PDB file of N, CA and C in Angstrom:
ATOM      1  N   MET A   1     125.338 -59.861  58.407  1.00  0.00           N
ATOM      2  CA  MET A   1     125.248 -60.812  59.546  1.00  0.00           C
ATOM      3  C   MET A   1     125.152 -60.130  60.791  1.00  0.00           C
ATOM      4  N   PHE A   2     125.680 -58.880  61.052  1.00  0.00           N
ATOM      5  CA  PHE A   2     125.678 -58.100  62.227  1.00  0.00           C
ATOM      6  C   PHE A   2     123.992 -57.977  62.613  1.00  0.00           C
ATOM      7  N   GLN A   3     123.247 -57.763  61.543  1.00  0.00           N
ATOM      8  CA  GLN A   3     121.862 -57.558  61.753  1.00  0.00           C
ATOM      9  C   GLN A   3     121.187 -58.887  62.333  1.00  0.00           C
ATOM     10  N   GLN A   4     121.611 -59.947  61.727  1.00  0.00           N
ATOM     11  CA  GLN A   4     121.129 -61.239  62.262  1.00  0.00           C
ATOM     12  C   GLN A   4     121.505 -61.542  63.649  1.00  0.00           C
ATOM     13  N   LEU A   5     122.638 -61.256  64.059  1.00  0.00           N
ATOM     14  CA  LEU A   5     123.189 -61.352  65.292  1.00  0.00           C
ATOM     15  C   LEU A   5     122.431 -60.475  66.330  1.00  0.00           C
ATOM     16  N   LEU A   6     122.237 -59.215  65.961  1.00  0.00           N
ATOM     17  CA  LEU A   6     121.569 -58.214  66.770  1.00  0.00           C
ATOM     18  C   LEU A   6     120.086 -58.896  66.954  1.00  0.00           C
ATOM     19  N   GLU A   7     119.404 -59.257  65.900  1.00  0.00           N
ATOM     20  CA  GLU A   7     118.009 -59.789  66.076  1.00  0.00           C
ATOM     21  C   GLU A   7     117.951 -60.990  66.893  1.00  0.00           C
ATOM     22  N   THR A   8     118.956 -61.746  66.926  1.00  0.00           N
ATOM     23  CA  THR A   8     119.015 -63.061  67.650  1.00  0.00           C
ATOM     24  C   THR A   8     119.118 -62.607  69.196  1.00  0.00           C
ATOM     25  N   LEU A   9     120.084 -61.807  69.338  1.00  0.00           N
ATOM     26  CA  LEU A   9     120.206 -61.340  70.814  1.00  0.00           C
ATOM     27  C   LEU A   9     119.020 -60.615  71.330  1.00  0.00           C
ATOM     28  N   ARG A  10     118.390 -59.874  70.509  1.00  0.00           N
ATOM     29  CA  ARG A  10     117.166 -59.224  71.102  1.00  0.00           C
ATOM     30  C   ARG A  10     115.962 -60.302  71.409  1.00  0.00           C
ATOM     31  N   GLN A  11     116.137 -61.368  70.844  1.00  0.00           N
ATOM     32  CA  GLN A  11     115.075 -62.444  71.227  1.00  0.00           C
ATOM     33  C   GLN A  11     115.205 -63.078  72.655  1.00  0.00           C
ATOM     34  N   GLY A  12     116.264 -62.658  73.288  1.00  0.00           N
ATOM     35  CA  GLY A  12     116.398 -63.130  74.681  1.00  0.00           C
ATOM     36  C   GLY A  12     117.502 -64.193  74.899  1.00  0.00           C
ATOM     37  N   PHE A  13     117.751 -64.484  76.125  1.00  0.00           N
ATOM     38  CA  PHE A  13     118.751 -65.384  76.605  1.00  0.00           C
ATOM     39  C   PHE A  13     118.143 -66.630  77.086  1.00  0.00           C
ATOM     40  N   TYR A  14     117.940 -67.432  76.083  1.00  0.00           N
ATOM     41  CA  TYR A  14     117.517 -68.882  76.504  1.00  0.00           C
ATOM     42  C   TYR A  14     118.620 -69.815  75.701  1.00  0.00           C
ATOM     43  N   VAL A  15     118.909 -71.078  76.191  1.00  0.00           N
ATOM     44  CA  VAL A  15     119.984 -71.857  75.595  1.00  0.00           C
ATOM     45  C   VAL A  15     119.917 -71.941  74.115  1.00  0.00           C
ATOM     46  N   ASP A  16     118.867 -72.240  73.594  1.00  0.00           N
ATOM     47  CA  ASP A  16     119.036 -72.475  72.044  1.00  0.00           C
ATOM     48  C   ASP A  16     119.368 -71.268  71.394  1.00  0.00           C
ATOM     49  N   ASN A  17     118.928 -70.027  71.823  1.00  0.00           N
ATOM     50  CA  ASN A  17     118.932 -68.851  71.290  1.00  0.00           C
ATOM     51  C   ASN A  17     120.478 -68.387  71.501  1.00  0.00           C
ATOM     52  N   LEU A  18     120.947 -68.693  72.634  1.00  0.00           N
ATOM     53  CA  LEU A  18     122.357 -68.296  73.010  1.00  0.00           C
ATOM     54  C   LEU A  18     123.346 -69.078  72.147  1.00  0.00           C
ATOM     55  N   ARG A  19     122.990 -70.198  71.800  1.00  0.00           N
ATOM     56  CA  ARG A  19     123.727 -71.108  70.878  1.00  0.00           C
ATOM     57  C   ARG A  19     123.818 -70.635  69.575  1.00  0.00           C
ATOM     58  N   LYS A  20     122.572 -70.224  69.090  1.00  0.00           N
ATOM     59  CA  LYS A  20     122.441 -69.590  67.783  1.00  0.00           C
ATOM     60  C   LYS A  20     123.333 -68.232  67.660  1.00  0.00           C
ATOM     61  N   ALA A  21     123.230 -67.386  68.484  1.00  0.00           N
ATOM     62  CA  ALA A  21     124.012 -66.169  68.654  1.00  0.00           C
ATOM     63  C   ALA A  21     125.393 -66.511  68.701  1.00  0.00           C
ATOM     64  N   SER A  22     125.723 -67.424  69.353  1.00  0.00           N
ATOM     65  CA  SER A  22     127.242 -67.908  69.539  1.00  0.00           C
ATOM     66  C   SER A  22     127.743 -68.321  68.091  1.00  0.00           C
ATOM     67  N   ARG A  23     126.945 -69.080  67.387  1.00  0.00           N
ATOM     68  CA  ARG A  23     127.367 -69.571  66.051  1.00  0.00           C
ATOM     69  C   ARG A  23     127.566 -68.204  64.996  1.00  0.00           C
ATOM     70  N   ILE A  24     126.518 -67.421  65.190  1.00  0.00           N
ATOM     71  CA  ILE A  24     126.620 -66.380  64.284  1.00  0.00           C
ATOM     72  C   ILE A  24     127.779 -65.417  64.796  1.00  0.00           C
ATOM     73  N   SER A  25     128.061 -65.264  65.830  1.00  0.00           N
ATOM     74  CA  SER A  25     129.196 -64.473  66.302  1.00  0.00           C
ATOM     75  C   SER A  25     130.585 -65.203  65.839  1.00  0.00           C
ATOM     76  N   LEU A  26     130.544 -66.375  65.839  1.00  0.00           N
ATOM     77  CA  LEU A  26     131.896 -67.164  65.338  1.00  0.00           C
ATOM     78  C   LEU A  26     132.034 -67.023  63.705  1.00  0.00           C
ATOM     79  N   ASP A  27     130.870 -67.207  63.076  1.00  0.00           N
ATOM     80  CA  ASP A  27     130.824 -66.986  61.681  1.00  0.00           C
ATOM     81  C   ASP A  27     131.271 -65.561  61.336  1.00  0.00           C
ATOM     82  N   LEU A  28     130.923 -64.611  62.061  1.00  0.00           N
ATOM     83  CA  LEU A  28     131.316 -63.097  61.790  1.00  0.00           C
ATOM     84  C   LEU A  28     132.762 -63.083  62.207  1.00  0.00           C
ATOM     85  N   ALA A  29     133.280 -63.620  63.203  1.00  0.00           N
ATOM     86  CA  ALA A  29     134.673 -63.521  63.614  1.00  0.00           C
ATOM     87  C   ALA A  29     135.572 -64.112  62.520  1.00  0.00           C
ATOM     88  N   LEU A  30     135.183 -65.126  61.810  1.00  0.00           N
ATOM     89  CA  LEU A  30     135.875 -65.724  60.780  1.00  0.00           C
ATOM     90  C   LEU A  30     135.861 -64.870  59.560  1.00  0.00           C
ATOM     91  N   LYS A  31     134.837 -63.880  59.351  1.00  0.00           N
ATOM     92  CA  LYS A  31     134.796 -63.144  58.162  1.00  0.00           C
ATOM     93  C   LYS A  31     135.119 -61.679  58.359  1.00  0.00           C
ATOM     94  N   SER A  32     135.391 -61.291  59.440  1.00  0.00           N
ATOM     95  CA  SER A  32     135.431 -59.924  59.856  1.00  0.00           C
ATOM     96  C   SER A  32     136.960 -59.523  60.314  1.00  0.00           C
ATOM     97  N   GLU A  33     137.161 -58.170  60.274  1.00  0.00           N
ATOM     98  CA  GLU A  33     138.363 -57.664  60.905  1.00  0.00           C
ATOM     99  C   GLU A  33     138.182 -57.461  62.369  1.00  0.00           C
ATOM    100  N   ASP A  34     137.041 -57.616  62.887  1.00  0.00           N
ATOM    101  CA  ASP A  34     136.822 -57.475  64.367  1.00  0.00           C
ATOM    102  C   ASP A  34     136.880 -58.967  65.082  1.00  0.00           C
ATOM    103  N   THR A  35     137.832 -59.698  64.538  1.00  0.00           N
ATOM    104  CA  THR A  35     137.924 -61.147  64.968  1.00  0.00           C
ATOM    105  C   THR A  35     137.918 -61.359  66.516  1.00  0.00           C
ATOM    106  N   ALA A  36     138.765 -60.454  67.250  1.00  0.00           N
ATOM    107  CA  ALA A  36     138.852 -60.739  68.721  1.00  0.00           C
ATOM    108  C   ALA A  36     137.761 -60.389  69.543  1.00  0.00           C
ATOM    109  N   ALA A  37     137.192 -59.175  68.997  1.00  0.00           N
ATOM    110  CA  ALA A  37     135.840 -58.941  69.865  1.00  0.00           C
ATOM    111  C   ALA A  37     134.694 -59.802  69.543  1.00  0.00           C
ATOM    112  N   LEU A  38     134.629 -60.263  68.317  1.00  0.00           N
ATOM    113  CA  LEU A  38     133.464 -61.256  67.966  1.00  0.00           C
ATOM    114  C   LEU A  38     133.797 -62.661  68.547  1.00  0.00           C
ATOM    115  N   PHE A  39     135.011 -63.101  68.768  1.00  0.00           N
ATOM    116  CA  PHE A  39     135.421 -64.150  69.354  1.00  0.00           C
ATOM    117  C   PHE A  39     135.092 -64.147  70.779  1.00  0.00           C
ATOM    118  N   VAL A  40     135.357 -63.207  71.426  1.00  0.00           N
ATOM    119  CA  VAL A  40     135.047 -63.009  73.019  1.00  0.00           C
ATOM    120  C   VAL A  40     133.426 -63.160  73.235  1.00  0.00           C
ATOM    121  N   VAL A  41     132.657 -62.484  72.197  1.00  0.00           N
ATOM    122  CA  VAL A  41     131.307 -62.540  72.360  1.00  0.00           C
ATOM    123  C   VAL A  41     130.975 -63.992  72.136  1.00  0.00           C
ATOM    124  N   ASN A  42     131.512 -64.580  71.100  1.00  0.00           N
ATOM    125  CA  ASN A  42     131.245 -66.035  70.949  1.00  0.00           C
ATOM    126  C   ASN A  42     131.498 -66.918  72.178  1.00  0.00           C
ATOM    127  N   ARG A  43     132.645 -66.780  72.648  1.00  0.00           N
ATOM    128  CA  ARG A  43     132.904 -67.507  73.965  1.00  0.00           C
ATOM    129  C   ARG A  43     131.971 -67.241  75.143  1.00  0.00           C
ATOM    130  N   ILE A  44     131.545 -65.976  75.312  1.00  0.00           N
ATOM    131  CA  ILE A  44     130.818 -65.503  76.435  1.00  0.00           C
ATOM    132  C   ILE A  44     129.440 -66.170  76.296  1.00  0.00           C
ATOM    133  N   LEU A  45     128.821 -65.954  75.098  1.00  0.00           N
ATOM    134  CA  LEU A  45     127.503 -66.589  74.885  1.00  0.00           C
ATOM    135  C   LEU A  45     127.491 -68.036  74.956  1.00  0.00           C
ATOM    136  N   SER A  46     128.511 -68.733  74.368  1.00  0.00           N
ATOM    137  CA  SER A  46     128.699 -70.233  74.398  1.00  0.00           C
ATOM    138  C   SER A  46     128.798 -70.739  75.899  1.00  0.00           C
ATOM    139  N   SER A  47     129.618 -69.935  76.627  1.00  0.00           N
ATOM    140  CA  SER A  47     129.878 -70.341  78.032  1.00  0.00           C
ATOM    141  C   SER A  47     128.603 -70.252  78.837  1.00  0.00           C
ATOM    142  N   ILE A  48     127.744 -69.230  78.506  1.00  0.00           N
ATOM    143  CA  ILE A  48     126.463 -69.041  79.269  1.00  0.00           C
ATOM    144  C   ILE A  48     125.499 -70.174  78.940  1.00  0.00           C
ATOM    145  N   ALA A  49     125.390 -70.627  77.758  1.00  0.00           N
ATOM    146  CA  ALA A  49     124.743 -71.578  77.289  1.00  0.00           C
ATOM    147  C   ALA A  49     125.067 -72.922  77.839  1.00  0.00           C
ATOM    148  N   ASP A  50     126.302 -73.112  77.849  1.00  0.00           N
ATOM    149  CA  ASP A  50     126.848 -74.415  78.533  1.00  0.00           C
ATOM    150  C   ASP A  50     126.480 -74.428  79.926  1.00  0.00           C
ATOM    151  N   TYR A  51     126.694 -73.305  80.678  1.00  0.00           N
ATOM    152  CA  TYR A  51     126.429 -73.161  82.149  1.00  0.00           C
ATOM    153  C   TYR A  51     124.961 -73.520  82.303  1.00  0.00           C
ATOM    154  N   TRP A  52     124.101 -73.096  81.525  1.00  0.00           N
ATOM    155  CA  TRP A  52     122.627 -73.201  81.937  1.00  0.00           C
ATOM    156  C   TRP A  52     122.047 -74.449  81.322  1.00  0.00           C
ATOM    157  N   ASP A  53     122.733 -75.075  80.413  1.00  0.00           N
ATOM    158  CA  ASP A  53     122.316 -76.294  79.675  1.00  0.00           C
ATOM    159  C   ASP A  53     121.769 -77.352  80.491  1.00  0.00           C
ATOM    160  N   ASP A  54     122.750 -77.643  81.688  1.00  0.00           N
ATOM    161  CA  ASP A  54     122.582 -78.882  82.496  1.00  0.00           C
ATOM    162  C   ASP A  54     121.754 -78.625  83.787  1.00  0.00           C
ATOM    163  N   ARG A  55     121.146 -77.580  83.901  1.00  0.00           N
ATOM    164  CA  ARG A  55     120.463 -77.223  85.157  1.00  0.00           C
ATOM    165  C   ARG A  55     119.182 -76.497  84.982  1.00  0.00           C
ATOM    166  N   PRO A  56     118.342 -76.641  86.004  1.00  0.00           N
ATOM    167  CA  PRO A  56     117.051 -75.756  85.823  1.00  0.00           C
ATOM    168  C   PRO A  56     117.435 -74.283  86.130  1.00  0.00           C
ATOM    169  N   ILE A  57     116.817 -73.554  85.198  1.00  0.00           N
ATOM    170  CA  ILE A  57     117.105 -71.906  85.448  1.00  0.00           C
ATOM    171  C   ILE A  57     115.919 -71.399  85.784  1.00  0.00           C
ATOM    172  N   ILE A  58     116.056 -70.476  86.938  1.00  0.00           N
ATOM    173  CA  ILE A  58     115.064 -69.763  87.464  1.00  0.00           C
ATOM    174  C   ILE A  58     114.856 -68.521  86.512  1.00  0.00           C
ATOM    175  N   VAL A  59     113.708 -68.400  86.215  1.00  0.00           N
ATOM    176  CA  VAL A  59     113.344 -67.401  85.117  1.00  0.00           C
ATOM    177  C   VAL A  59     113.864 -65.924  85.545  1.00  0.00           C
ATOM    178  N   GLU A  60     113.633 -65.617  86.922  1.00  0.00           N
ATOM    179  CA  GLU A  60     114.018 -64.349  87.224  1.00  0.00           C
ATOM    180  C   GLU A  60     115.571 -64.078  87.285  1.00  0.00           C
ATOM    181  N   GLU A  61     116.273 -65.288  87.559  1.00  0.00           N
ATOM    182  CA  GLU A  61     117.771 -65.319  87.481  1.00  0.00           C
ATOM    183  C   GLU A  61     118.289 -64.986  86.107  1.00  0.00           C
ATOM    184  N   ALA A  62     117.630 -65.699  85.038  1.00  0.00           N
ATOM    185  CA  ALA A  62     117.984 -65.524  83.726  1.00  0.00           C
ATOM    186  C   ALA A  62     117.662 -64.278  83.338  1.00  0.00           C
ATOM    187  N   GLN A  63     116.536 -63.548  83.701  1.00  0.00           N
ATOM    188  CA  GLN A  63     116.342 -62.140  83.312  1.00  0.00           C
ATOM    189  C   GLN A  63     117.379 -61.165  83.835  1.00  0.00           C
ATOM    190  N   ILE A  64     117.793 -61.441  85.148  1.00  0.00           N
ATOM    191  CA  ILE A  64     118.753 -60.591  85.681  1.00  0.00           C
ATOM    192  C   ILE A  64     120.098 -60.585  84.859  1.00  0.00           C
ATOM    193  N   VAL A  65     120.499 -61.924  84.621  1.00  0.00           N
ATOM    194  CA  VAL A  65     121.669 -62.080  83.771  1.00  0.00           C
ATOM    195  C   VAL A  65     121.466 -61.367  82.402  1.00  0.00           C
ATOM    196  N   GLU A  66     120.381 -61.666  81.772  1.00  0.00           N
ATOM    197  CA  GLU A  66     120.167 -61.025  80.378  1.00  0.00           C
ATOM    198  C   GLU A  66     120.067 -59.483  80.387  1.00  0.00           C
ATOM    199  N   ASN A  67     119.448 -58.959  81.384  1.00  0.00           N
ATOM    200  CA  ASN A  67     119.495 -57.563  81.482  1.00  0.00           C
ATOM    201  C   ASN A  67     120.734 -56.982  81.906  1.00  0.00           C
ATOM    202  N   GLY A  68     121.505 -57.710  82.551  1.00  0.00           N
ATOM    203  CA  GLY A  68     122.905 -57.300  83.001  1.00  0.00           C
ATOM    204  C   GLY A  68     123.890 -57.328  81.921  1.00  0.00           C
ATOM    205  N   ILE A  69     123.814 -58.367  80.991  1.00  0.00           N
ATOM    206  CA  ILE A  69     124.853 -58.539  79.933  1.00  0.00           C
ATOM    207  C   ILE A  69     124.451 -58.118  78.577  1.00  0.00           C
ATOM    208  N   ASN A  70     123.168 -58.518  78.286  1.00  0.00           N
ATOM    209  CA  ASN A  70     122.833 -58.422  76.917  1.00  0.00           C
ATOM    210  C   ASN A  70     122.734 -56.882  76.155  1.00  0.00           C
ATOM    211  N   PRO A  71     122.438 -55.898  76.989  1.00  0.00           N
ATOM    212  CA  PRO A  71     122.637 -54.552  76.427  1.00  0.00           C
ATOM    213  C   PRO A  71     124.042 -54.248  76.062  1.00  0.00           C
ATOM    214  N   SER A  72     125.029 -54.647  76.923  1.00  0.00           N
ATOM    215  CA  SER A  72     126.477 -54.227  76.646  1.00  0.00           C
ATOM    216  C   SER A  72     127.028 -55.149  75.391  1.00  0.00           C
ATOM    217  N   ILE A  73     126.441 -56.308  75.258  1.00  0.00           N
ATOM    218  CA  ILE A  73     126.805 -56.966  73.898  1.00  0.00           C
ATOM    219  C   ILE A  73     126.247 -56.378  72.816  1.00  0.00           C
ATOM    220  N   ILE A  74     124.938 -56.019  72.903  1.00  0.00           N
ATOM    221  CA  ILE A  74     124.278 -55.345  71.786  1.00  0.00           C
ATOM    222  C   ILE A  74     124.912 -54.042  71.355  1.00  0.00           C
ATOM    223  N   ASN A  75     125.307 -53.276  72.399  1.00  0.00           N
ATOM    224  CA  ASN A  75     126.106 -51.926  72.133  1.00  0.00           C
ATOM    225  C   ASN A  75     127.453 -52.293  71.505  1.00  0.00           C
ATOM    226  N   LEU A  76     128.137 -53.338  71.893  1.00  0.00           N
ATOM    227  CA  LEU A  76     129.497 -53.691  71.144  1.00  0.00           C
ATOM    228  C   LEU A  76     129.061 -54.082  69.729  1.00  0.00           C
ATOM    229  N   ILE A  77     128.031 -54.847  69.418  1.00  0.00           N
ATOM    230  CA  ILE A  77     127.906 -55.375  68.081  1.00  0.00           C
ATOM    231  C   ILE A  77     127.478 -54.085  67.229  1.00  0.00           C
ATOM    232  N   GLU A  78     126.577 -53.349  67.806  1.00  0.00           N
ATOM    233  CA  GLU A  78     126.222 -52.083  66.964  1.00  0.00           C
ATOM    234  C   GLU A  78     127.422 -51.205  66.710  1.00  0.00           C
ATOM    235  N   ALA A  79     128.352 -51.117  67.597  1.00  0.00           N
ATOM    236  CA  ALA A  79     129.621 -50.355  67.394  1.00  0.00           C
ATOM    237  C   ALA A  79     130.509 -51.100  66.297  1.00  0.00           C
ATOM    238  N   LEU A  80     130.669 -52.379  66.362  1.00  0.00           N
ATOM    239  CA  LEU A  80     131.395 -53.040  65.345  1.00  0.00           C
ATOM    240  C   LEU A  80     130.775 -52.859  64.026  1.00  0.00           C
ATOM    241  N   GLU A  81     129.360 -52.895  64.007  1.00  0.00           N
ATOM    242  CA  GLU A  81     128.622 -52.777  62.778  1.00  0.00           C
ATOM    243  C   GLU A  81     128.868 -51.513  62.070  1.00  0.00           C
ATOM    244  N   SER A  82     128.926 -50.375  62.892  1.00  0.00           N
ATOM    245  CA  SER A  82     129.124 -49.005  62.400  1.00  0.00           C
ATOM    246  C   SER A  82     130.488 -48.655  62.148  1.00  0.00           C
ATOM    247  N   SER A  83     131.501 -49.654  62.405  1.00  0.00           N
ATOM    248  CA  SER A  83     132.984 -49.401  62.317  1.00  0.00           C
ATOM    249  C   SER A  83     133.476 -48.305  63.103  1.00  0.00           C
ATOM    250  N   ALA A  84     133.075 -48.472  64.574  1.00  0.00           N
ATOM    251  CA  ALA A  84     133.418 -47.556  65.606  1.00  0.00           C
ATOM    252  C   ALA A  84     134.966 -47.548  65.668  1.00  0.00           C
ATOM    253  N   SER A  85     135.573 -46.609  66.255  1.00  0.00           N
ATOM    254  CA  SER A  85     136.922 -46.465  66.508  1.00  0.00           C
ATOM    255  C   SER A  85     137.399 -47.682  67.483  1.00  0.00           C
ATOM    256  N   SER A  86     138.770 -48.033  67.257  1.00  0.00           N
ATOM    257  CA  SER A  86     139.209 -49.073  68.276  1.00  0.00           C
ATOM    258  C   SER A  86     139.102 -48.882  69.704  1.00  0.00           C
ATOM    259  N   GLU A  87     139.190 -47.534  70.064  1.00  0.00           N
ATOM    260  CA  GLU A  87     139.120 -47.043  71.384  1.00  0.00           C
ATOM    261  C   GLU A  87     137.635 -47.437  71.885  1.00  0.00           C
ATOM    262  N   ILE A  88     136.691 -47.141  71.122  1.00  0.00           N
ATOM    263  CA  ILE A  88     135.224 -47.341  71.567  1.00  0.00           C
ATOM    264  C   ILE A  88     135.111 -48.770  71.498  1.00  0.00           C
ATOM    265  N   VAL A  89     135.569 -49.562  70.737  1.00  0.00           N
ATOM    266  CA  VAL A  89     135.337 -51.107  70.692  1.00  0.00           C
ATOM    267  C   VAL A  89     135.992 -51.619  71.911  1.00  0.00           C
ATOM    268  N   VAL A  90     137.098 -51.213  72.206  1.00  0.00           N
ATOM    269  CA  VAL A  90     137.856 -51.882  73.481  1.00  0.00           C
ATOM    270  C   VAL A  90     137.022 -51.402  74.824  1.00  0.00           C
ATOM    271  N   THR A  91     136.555 -50.108  74.912  1.00  0.00           N
ATOM    272  CA  THR A  91     135.855 -49.758  75.996  1.00  0.00           C
ATOM    273  C   THR A  91     134.562 -50.575  76.135  1.00  0.00           C
ATOM    274  N   LEU A  92     133.841 -50.729  75.070  1.00  0.00           N
ATOM    275  CA  LEU A  92     132.554 -51.558  75.046  1.00  0.00           C
ATOM    276  C   LEU A  92     132.947 -53.043  75.221  1.00  0.00           C
ATOM    277  N   LEU A  93     133.967 -53.577  74.754  1.00  0.00           N
ATOM    278  CA  LEU A  93     134.267 -54.874  75.008  1.00  0.00           C
ATOM    279  C   LEU A  93     134.670 -55.255  76.473  1.00  0.00           C
ATOM    280  N   ASN A  94     135.395 -54.164  77.128  1.00  0.00           N
ATOM    281  CA  ASN A  94     135.766 -54.356  78.469  1.00  0.00           C
ATOM    282  C   ASN A  94     134.436 -54.309  79.379  1.00  0.00           C
ATOM    283  N   LYS A  95     133.441 -53.544  78.928  1.00  0.00           N
ATOM    284  CA  LYS A  95     132.297 -53.563  79.669  1.00  0.00           C
ATOM    285  C   LYS A  95     131.430 -54.986  79.687  1.00  0.00           C
ATOM    286  N   VAL A  96     131.390 -55.606  78.250  1.00  0.00           N
ATOM    287  CA  VAL A  96     130.877 -56.832  78.185  1.00  0.00           C
ATOM    288  C   VAL A  96     131.594 -57.925  79.012  1.00  0.00           C
ATOM    289  N   VAL A  97     132.999 -57.882  79.054  1.00  0.00           N
ATOM    290  CA  VAL A  97     133.722 -58.722  79.771  1.00  0.00           C
ATOM    291  C   VAL A  97     133.464 -58.703  81.354  1.00  0.00           C
ATOM    292  N   SER A  98     133.433 -57.339  81.769  1.00  0.00           N
ATOM    293  CA  SER A  98     133.112 -56.959  83.093  1.00  0.00           C
ATOM    294  C   SER A  98     131.783 -57.568  83.623  1.00  0.00           C
ATOM    295  N   LYS A  99     130.891 -57.265  82.778  1.00  0.00           N
ATOM    296  CA  LYS A  99     129.396 -57.853  83.150  1.00  0.00           C
ATOM    297  C   LYS A  99     129.429 -59.189  83.311  1.00  0.00           C
ATOM    298  N   TYR A 100     130.132 -59.934  82.206  1.00  0.00           N
ATOM    299  CA  TYR A 100     130.063 -61.468  82.390  1.00  0.00           C
ATOM    300  C   TYR A 100     130.797 -61.963  83.539  1.00  0.00           C
ATOM    301  N   LEU A 101     131.972 -61.375  83.867  1.00  0.00           N
ATOM    302  CA  LEU A 101     132.780 -61.770  85.188  1.00  0.00           C
ATOM    303  C   LEU A 101     132.001 -61.550  86.268  1.00  0.00           C
ATOM    304  N   PHE A 102     131.124 -60.393  86.398  1.00  0.00           N
ATOM    305  CA  PHE A 102     130.299 -60.069  87.561  1.00  0.00           C
ATOM    306  C   PHE A 102     129.388 -61.341  87.821  1.00  0.00           C
ATOM    307  N   PHE A 103     128.696 -61.776  86.730  1.00  0.00           N
ATOM    308  CA  PHE A 103     127.789 -62.816  86.946  1.00  0.00           C
ATOM    309  C   PHE A 103     128.349 -64.300  87.071  1.00  0.00           C
ATOM    310  N   PHE A 104     129.445 -64.456  86.405  1.00  0.00           N
ATOM    311  CA  PHE A 104     130.005 -65.922  86.203  1.00  0.00           C
ATOM    312  C   PHE A 104     131.502 -66.177  86.490  1.00  0.00           C
ATOM    313  N   SER A 105     132.000 -65.239  87.292  1.00  0.00           N
ATOM    314  CA  SER A 105     133.430 -65.484  87.736  1.00  0.00           C
ATOM    315  C   SER A 105     133.627 -66.574  88.758  1.00  0.00           C
ATOM    316  N   ASN A 106     132.496 -67.100  89.317  1.00  0.00           N
ATOM    317  CA  ASN A 106     132.841 -68.246  90.307  1.00  0.00           C
ATOM    318  C   ASN A 106     132.475 -69.672  89.556  1.00  0.00           C
ATOM    319  N   LEU A 107     132.579 -69.692  88.219  1.00  0.00           N
ATOM    320  CA  LEU A 107     132.210 -70.980  87.683  1.00  0.00           C
ATOM    321  C   LEU A 107     133.443 -71.880  87.782  1.00  0.00           C
TER     322      LEU A 107
END
């Protein structure tokens, strides 16, 4: 399922795709030992989808957010898939959360 999540993330940040990736990450969280990291990914993706769902999105703005956050999420998922050390996972998770907070801390 990690590959399915990675493929979905690589398709871009649009609301339906964010929701799909959010569901996949929640399914993974329920089945994996990496529950906390995957749950955080789930909540971030779901939060972005919820935020964008009720308003018109400027394409350039969406691309800036995607380019800012998605590579960090992908790096984290790849690390989880390869059973990286806890130290690496926490470092990557911190980057994901930092990127999210940079873009969405004023919600």
